[in-house]
C-alpha atoms as a PDB file:
ATOM      1  CA  THR A   1     168.220  35.880  67.555  1.00  0.00           C
ATOM      2  CA  SER A   2     165.819  33.024  65.824  1.00  0.00           C
ATOM      3  CA  ASN A   3     164.983  32.954  62.391  1.00  0.00           C
ATOM      4  CA  THR A   4     162.884  30.778  60.648  1.00  0.00           C
ATOM      5  CA  ALA A   5     164.934  29.980  57.506  1.00  0.00           C
ATOM      6  CA  ALA A   6     162.678  29.352  53.821  1.00  0.00           C
ATOM      7  CA  GLY A   7     163.044  25.400  54.977  1.00  0.00           C
ATOM      8  CA  LYS A   8     160.401  23.682  56.597  1.00  0.00           C
ATOM      9  CA  ASN A   9     162.214  22.219  59.365  1.00  0.00           C
ATOM     10  CA  ALA A  10     165.252  24.219  59.049  1.00  0.00           C
ATOM     11  CA  VAL A  11     165.661  26.808  61.795  1.00  0.00           C
ATOM     12  CA  MET A  12     168.526  29.734  61.771  1.00  0.00           C
ATOM     13  CA  PHE A  13     170.195  30.428  64.269  1.00  0.00           C
ATOM     14  CA  THR A  14     172.725  34.072  64.993  1.00  0.00           C
ATOM     15  CA  PHE A  15     175.438  32.233  66.810  1.00  0.00           C
ATOM     16  CA  HIS A  16     178.418  33.891  65.889  1.00  0.00           C
ATOM     17  CA  LYS A  17     179.376  36.338  69.011  1.00  0.00           C
ATOM     18  CA  HIS A  18     181.441  39.537  66.863  1.00  0.00           C
ATOM     19  CA  ASN A  19     179.747  39.008  63.708  1.00  0.00           C
ATOM     20  CA  PRO A  20     176.134  39.042  64.074  1.00  0.00           C
ATOM     21  CA  ARG A  21     175.676  38.100  60.037  1.00  0.00           C
ATOM     22  CA  LYS A  22     177.504  34.964  60.433  1.00  0.00           C
ATOM     23  CA  ARG A  23     174.364  32.194  60.878  1.00  0.00           C
ATOM     24  CA  ILE A  24     174.395  28.390  61.376  1.00  0.00           C
ATOM     25  CA  ASP A  25     171.329  26.120  59.559  1.00  0.00           C
ATOM     26  CA  LEU A  26     170.604  23.697  62.199  1.00  0.00           C
ATOM     27  CA  GLU A  27     168.252  20.757  61.393  1.00  0.00           C
ATOM     28  CA  SER A  28     165.599  19.692  63.505  1.00  0.00           C
ATOM     29  CA  SER A  29     162.231  17.559  63.673  1.00  0.00           C
ATOM     30  CA  PHE A  30     159.242  19.991  64.764  1.00  0.00           C
ATOM     31  CA  LYS A  31     157.817  16.572  65.738  1.00  0.00           C
ATOM     32  CA  THR A  32     160.298  16.323  69.111  1.00  0.00           C
ATOM     33  CA  THR A  33     161.848  19.103  69.643  1.00  0.00           C
ATOM     34  CA  LEU A  34     161.699  22.690  68.431  1.00  0.00           C
ATOM     35  CA  LEU A  35     164.637  24.560  69.452  1.00  0.00           C
ATOM     36  CA  THR A  36     165.392  28.584  69.600  1.00  0.00           C
ATOM     37  CA  SER A  37     168.181  30.109  70.709  1.00  0.00           C
ATOM     38  CA  GLU A  38     169.438  33.312  71.818  1.00  0.00           C
ATOM     39  CA  ARG A  39     172.893  34.326  72.700  1.00  0.00           C
ATOM     40  CA  ILE A  40     173.128  35.827  76.238  1.00  0.00           C
ATOM     41  CA  MET A  41     176.359  36.392  77.836  1.00  0.00           C
ATOM     42  CA  GLY A  42     178.018  33.559  75.702  1.00  0.00           C
ATOM     43  CA  ARG A  43     174.944  31.236  76.647  1.00  0.00           C
ATOM     44  CA  VAL A  44     172.309  29.410  74.553  1.00  0.00           C
ATOM     45  CA  ILE A  45     168.886  29.077  75.292  1.00  0.00           C
ATOM     46  CA  VAL A  46     167.101  25.552  74.570  1.00  0.00           C
ATOM     47  CA  LEU A  47     163.020  25.151  74.596  1.00  0.00           C
ATOM     48  CA  THR A  48     161.449  22.126  73.747  1.00  0.00           C
ATOM     49  CA  ALA A  49     158.354  22.562  71.927  1.00  0.00           C
ATOM     50  CA  THR A  50     156.282  22.241  74.964  1.00  0.00           C
ATOM     51  CA  LYS A  51     157.705  24.938  76.893  1.00  0.00           C
ATOM     52  CA  LEU A  52     157.889  27.687  73.522  1.00  0.00           C
ATOM     53  CA  ALA A  53     153.807  26.614  73.546  1.00  0.00           C
ATOM     54  CA  LEU A  54     153.710  28.026  77.309  1.00  0.00           C
ATOM     55  CA  LEU A  55     155.904  30.753  76.837  1.00  0.00           C
ATOM     56  CA  ILE A  56     153.961  32.005  74.040  1.00  0.00           C
ATOM     57  CA  THR A  57     150.363  30.965  75.377  1.00  0.00           C
ATOM     58  CA  SER A  58     151.146  33.312  78.374  1.00  0.00           C
ATOM     59  CA  SER A  59     152.712  35.891  76.679  1.00  0.00           C
ATOM     60  CA  VAL A  60     149.498  36.417  74.750  1.00  0.00           C
ATOM     61  CA  LEU A  61     147.224  35.980  77.272  1.00  0.00           C
ATOM     62  CA  MET A  62     149.249  38.419  79.580  1.00  0.00           C
ATOM     63  CA  GLY A  63     149.348  41.087  76.889  1.00  0.00           C
ATOM     64  CA  TYR A  64     145.392  40.612  76.630  1.00  0.00           C
ATOM     65  CA  PHE A  65     144.479  41.110  80.520  1.00  0.00           C
ATOM     66  CA  ILE A  66     146.982  43.806  80.763  1.00  0.00           C
ATOM     67  CA  GLY A  67     145.302  45.560  77.504  1.00  0.00           C
ATOM     68  CA  ASN A  68     141.730  44.907  78.852  1.00  0.00           C
ATOM     69  CA  SER A  69     142.681  45.922  82.876  1.00  0.00           C
ATOM     70  CA  LYS A  70     143.122  49.786  81.246  1.00  0.00           C
ATOM     71  CA  SER A  71     139.449  49.204  80.108  1.00  0.00           C
ATOM     72  CA  ASN A  72     136.761  47.549  80.077  1.00  0.00           C
ATOM     73  CA  THR A  73     134.986  49.602  77.060  1.00  0.00           C
ATOM     74  CA  PRO A  74     135.261  49.768  73.453  1.00  0.00           C
ATOM     75  CA  ALA A  75     137.879  52.071  72.700  1.00  0.00           C
ATOM     76  CA  SER A  76     135.282  54.177  70.665  1.00  0.00           C
ATOM     77  CA  ASN A  77     133.346  55.116  73.937  1.00  0.00           C
ATOM     78  CA  SER A  78     132.800  58.213  75.096  1.00  0.00           C
ATOM     79  CA  ASP A  79     133.983  58.156  78.191  1.00  0.00           C
ATOM     80  CA  GLY A  80     137.652  59.926  77.486  1.00  0.00           C
ATOM     81  CA  ALA A  81     137.861  63.127  78.007  1.00  0.00           C
ATOM     82  CA  PHE A  82     136.517  66.373  76.635  1.00  0.00           C
ATOM     83  CA  VAL A  83     138.770  67.691  74.383  1.00  0.00           C
ATOM     84  CA  LEU A  84     138.339  71.300  72.916  1.00  0.00           C
ATOM     85  CA  LEU A  85     140.138  72.165  69.718  1.00  0.00           C
ATOM     86  CA  VAL A  86     139.938  76.477  69.110  1.00  0.00           C
ATOM     87  CA  ASN A  87     141.556  77.761  66.180  1.00  0.00           C
ATOM     88  CA  MET A  88     142.456  81.717  65.633  1.00  0.00           C
ATOM     89  CA  LYS A  89     143.642  83.399  62.920  1.00  0.00           C
ATOM     90  CA  PHE A  90     144.908  86.942  63.862  1.00  0.00           C
ATOM     91  CA  ASN A  91     144.717  89.716  61.672  1.00  0.00           C
ATOM     92  CA  SER A  92     148.119  90.978  62.769  1.00  0.00           C
ATOM     93  CA  LEU A  93     151.699  89.462  64.851  1.00  0.00           C
ATOM     94  CA  ASP A  94     150.509  92.468  67.382  1.00  0.00           C
ATOM     95  CA  LEU A  95     147.035  91.463  67.786  1.00  0.00           C
ATOM     96  CA  ARG A  96     148.498  87.781  68.021  1.00  0.00           C
ATOM     97  CA  ASP A  97     150.598  89.238  70.889  1.00  0.00           C
ATOM     98  CA  LYS A  98     147.744  90.950  72.997  1.00  0.00           C
ATOM     99  CA  PHE A  99     146.533  87.772  72.961  1.00  0.00           C
ATOM    100  CA  LEU A 100     148.977  85.485  74.559  1.00  0.00           C
ATOM    101  CA  LYS A 101     149.284  88.530  76.800  1.00  0.00           C
ATOM    102  CA  LEU A 102     145.157  88.263  77.825  1.00  0.00           C
ATOM    103  CA  ILE A 103     145.336  84.285  77.758  1.00  0.00           C
ATOM    104  CA  GLU A 104     148.643  83.910  80.786  1.00  0.00           C
ATOM    105  CA  PRO A 105     146.240  84.843  83.539  1.00  0.00           C
ATOM    106  CA  VAL A 106     143.809  82.340  82.291  1.00  0.00           C
ATOM    107  CA  CYS A 107     146.462  79.618  82.092  1.00  0.00           C
ATOM    108  CA  LYS A 108     147.681  80.122  85.344  1.00  0.00           C
ATOM    109  CA  ASP A 109     144.900  80.184  86.659  1.00  0.00           C
ATOM    110  CA  VAL A 110     143.829  76.878  84.965  1.00  0.00           C
ATOM    111  CA  ILE A 111     147.476  75.768  86.568  1.00  0.00           C
ATOM    112  CA  ALA A 112     146.811  76.831  89.867  1.00  0.00           C
ATOM    113  CA  ASN A 113     142.910  75.522  90.891  1.00  0.00           C
ATOM    114  CA  GLU A 114     141.641  73.063  87.496  1.00  0.00           C
ATOM    115  CA  SER A 115     144.814  70.884  86.782  1.00  0.00           C
ATOM    116  CA  PRO A 116     146.183  67.909  88.351  1.00  0.00           C
ATOM    117  CA  VAL A 117     149.811  69.489  89.294  1.00  0.00           C
ATOM    118  CA  GLY A 118     147.743  72.976  90.691  1.00  0.00           C
ATOM    119  CA  SER A 119     147.568  73.300  94.080  1.00  0.00           C
ATOM    120  CA  ARG A 120     145.826  71.220  97.039  1.00  0.00           C
ATOM    121  CA  GLY A 121     142.177  72.665  96.372  1.00  0.00           C
ATOM    122  CA  SER A 122     142.610  72.227  92.431  1.00  0.00           C
ATOM    123  CA  THR A 123     139.358  70.447  90.996  1.00  0.00           C
ATOM    124  CA  LYS A 124     141.909  68.449  88.973  1.00  0.00           C
ATOM    125  CA  THR A 125     139.589  68.454  86.296  1.00  0.00           C
ATOM    126  CA  THR A 126     141.445  70.563  83.385  1.00  0.00           C
ATOM    127  CA  LEU A 127     143.727  67.778  82.647  1.00  0.00           C
ATOM    128  CA  SER A 128     145.466  69.743  79.230  1.00  0.00           C
ATOM    129  CA  TYR A 129     145.557  73.222  78.749  1.00  0.00           C
ATOM    130  CA  GLN A 130     148.192  74.245  75.759  1.00  0.00           C
ATOM    131  CA  VAL A 131     148.192  77.292  73.527  1.00  0.00           C
ATOM    132  CA  ALA A 132     150.525  76.372  70.540  1.00  0.00           C
ATOM    133  CA  ILE A 133     151.692  79.278  67.732  1.00  0.00           C
ATOM    134  CA  SER A 134     151.653  77.884  63.971  1.00  0.00           C
ATOM    135  CA  ASP A 135     155.322  76.951  62.660  1.00  0.00           C
ATOM    136  CA  LYS A 136     153.813  77.730  58.750  1.00  0.00           C
ATOM    137  CA  ASN A 137     151.936  81.014  59.916  1.00  0.00           C
ATOM    138  CA  PRO A 138     152.813  83.183  62.741  1.00  0.00           C
ATOM    139  CA  LEU A 139     149.845  84.388  62.864  1.00  0.00           C
ATOM    140  CA  MET A 140     147.576  81.573  63.657  1.00  0.00           C
ATOM    141  CA  VAL A 141     147.309  79.947  67.244  1.00  0.00           C
ATOM    142  CA  VAL A 142     145.101  76.873  68.732  1.00  0.00           C
ATOM    143  CA  VAL A 143     144.410  76.392  72.499  1.00  0.00           C
ATOM    144  CA  MET A 144     144.249  72.489  73.391  1.00  0.00           C
ATOM    145  CA  GLU A 145     142.179  72.088  76.228  1.00  0.00           C
ATOM    146  CA  ARG A 146     141.428  68.508  77.171  1.00  0.00           C
ATOM    147  CA  TYR A 147     138.768  68.564  80.385  1.00  0.00           C
ATOM    148  CA  SER A 148     137.871  65.127  82.579  1.00  0.00           C
ATOM    149  CA  ASP A 149     134.402  65.339  81.059  1.00  0.00           C
ATOM    150  CA  LYS A 150     132.406  68.140  79.249  1.00  0.00           C
ATOM    151  CA  ASP A 151     129.431  68.753  81.864  1.00  0.00           C
ATOM    152  CA  ASN A 152     131.877  69.156  85.153  1.00  0.00           C
ATOM    153  CA  GLY A 153     135.177  70.030  83.885  1.00  0.00           C
ATOM    154  CA  TYR A 154     134.931  72.050  81.105  1.00  0.00           C
ATOM    155  CA  LEU A 155     130.949  73.575  81.446  1.00  0.00           C
ATOM    156  CA  THR A 156     131.095  73.663  85.130  1.00  0.00           C
ATOM    157  CA  VAL A 157     134.539  74.193  86.778  1.00  0.00           C
ATOM    158  CA  HIS A 158     136.378  76.218  83.260  1.00  0.00           C
ATOM    159  CA  ARG A 159     133.887  78.055  82.101  1.00  0.00           C
ATOM    160  CA  SER A 160     133.022  80.001  85.548  1.00  0.00           C
ATOM    161  CA  GLY A 161     136.769  80.528  86.177  1.00  0.00           C
ATOM    162  CA  SER A 162     136.900  84.460  87.044  1.00  0.00           C
ATOM    163  CA  GLU A 163     140.198  84.990  85.039  1.00  0.00           C
ATOM    164  CA  PHE A 164     138.471  82.789  82.229  1.00  0.00           C
ATOM    165  CA  LEU A 165     135.133  85.037  82.091  1.00  0.00           C
ATOM    166  CA  LYS A 166     137.497  88.333  81.956  1.00  0.00           C
ATOM    167  CA  PHE A 167     139.673  86.721  79.083  1.00  0.00           C
ATOM    168  CA  ARG A 168     136.190  86.087  77.262  1.00  0.00           C
ATOM    169  CA  GLU A 169     134.766  88.812  77.374  1.00  0.00           C
ATOM    170  CA  ILE A 170     138.325  90.687  76.254  1.00  0.00           C
ATOM    171  CA  LEU A 171     138.380  87.790  73.116  1.00  0.00           C
ATOM    172  CA  LYS A 172     134.787  88.493  72.082  1.00  0.00           C
ATOM    173  CA  GLY A 173     135.270  91.990  71.635  1.00  0.00           C
ATOM    174  CA  MET A 174     138.366  91.305  69.568  1.00  0.00           C
ATOM    175  CA  GLN A 175     135.818  89.047  67.405  1.00  0.00           C
ATOM    176  CA  GLU A 176     133.050  92.094  66.861  1.00  0.00           C
ATOM    177  CA  LYS A 177     135.955  94.180  65.793  1.00  0.00           C
ATOM    178  CA  GLY A 178     137.279  91.107  62.878  1.00  0.00           C
ATOM    179  CA  GLU A 179     140.445  90.693  64.613  1.00  0.00           C
ATOM    180  CA  VAL A 180     140.700  87.664  64.750  1.00  0.00           C
ATOM    181  CA  GLU A 181     138.387  84.650  63.214  1.00  0.00           C
ATOM    182  CA  ILE A 182     137.830  81.778  65.688  1.00  0.00           C
ATOM    183  CA  SER A 183     136.745  78.487  64.650  1.00  0.00           C
ATOM    184  CA  GLY A 184     137.021  75.060  66.693  1.00  0.00           C
ATOM    185  CA  GLU A 185     135.736  71.631  67.467  1.00  0.00           C
ATOM    186  CA  SER A 186     135.127  69.532  70.353  1.00  0.00           C
ATOM    187  CA  TYR A 187     135.965  65.283  70.534  1.00  0.00           C
ATOM    188  CA  SER A 188     135.722  62.944  72.685  1.00  0.00           C
ATOM    189  CA  GLU A 189     138.725  60.529  73.509  1.00  0.00           C
ATOM    190  CA  THR A 190     139.091  57.132  72.808  1.00  0.00           C
ATOM    191  CA  ARG A 191     141.691  55.035  74.521  1.00  0.00           C
ATOM    192  CA  LEU A 192     143.638  54.711  71.375  1.00  0.00           C
ATOM    193  CA  GLY A 193     147.047  56.149  71.461  1.00  0.00           C
ATOM    194  CA  PHE A 194     148.184  57.645  74.611  1.00  0.00           C
ATOM    195  CA  VAL A 195     148.656  62.226  76.133  1.00  0.00           C
END
């Protein structure tokens, strides 16, 4: 591993095979040759300033092109997936468990008919669909939903699913009886990060 020392013309190298903390300072003139080294299987690689500049330039350019090849749109563009987070707070564990039993057929239907891992006839418009229980309050549940887009993936395909329609009516009844509080928010993914 090479490190630049405090001095203007000194380059610090780690050479010792069994003691990586033992370092040797080398004096070099940056005008003629810049030495860098890496200890690889007992060998030292020495690069001239020109070769080092070429290596750094090509690495930067490669990173730039790889980063831009994924998307020519800014990270804040709304062309990413449509995300829906539905938060629920139940009045009792029995009501929460009732909900979990009700949503299970919906999850299976989504996997089979809407997901990328579904059957051959799957629309592949639901990218993920996951139910999670709070680790701080077992009465709180969130459903994390990701769709290819809002208009087709969510509004047209998912909301017309037969299991979803049955489930939605029962959940609406639970909400009207005051058995569950539901809140949610929708988002458009950026190109930042990964899922």
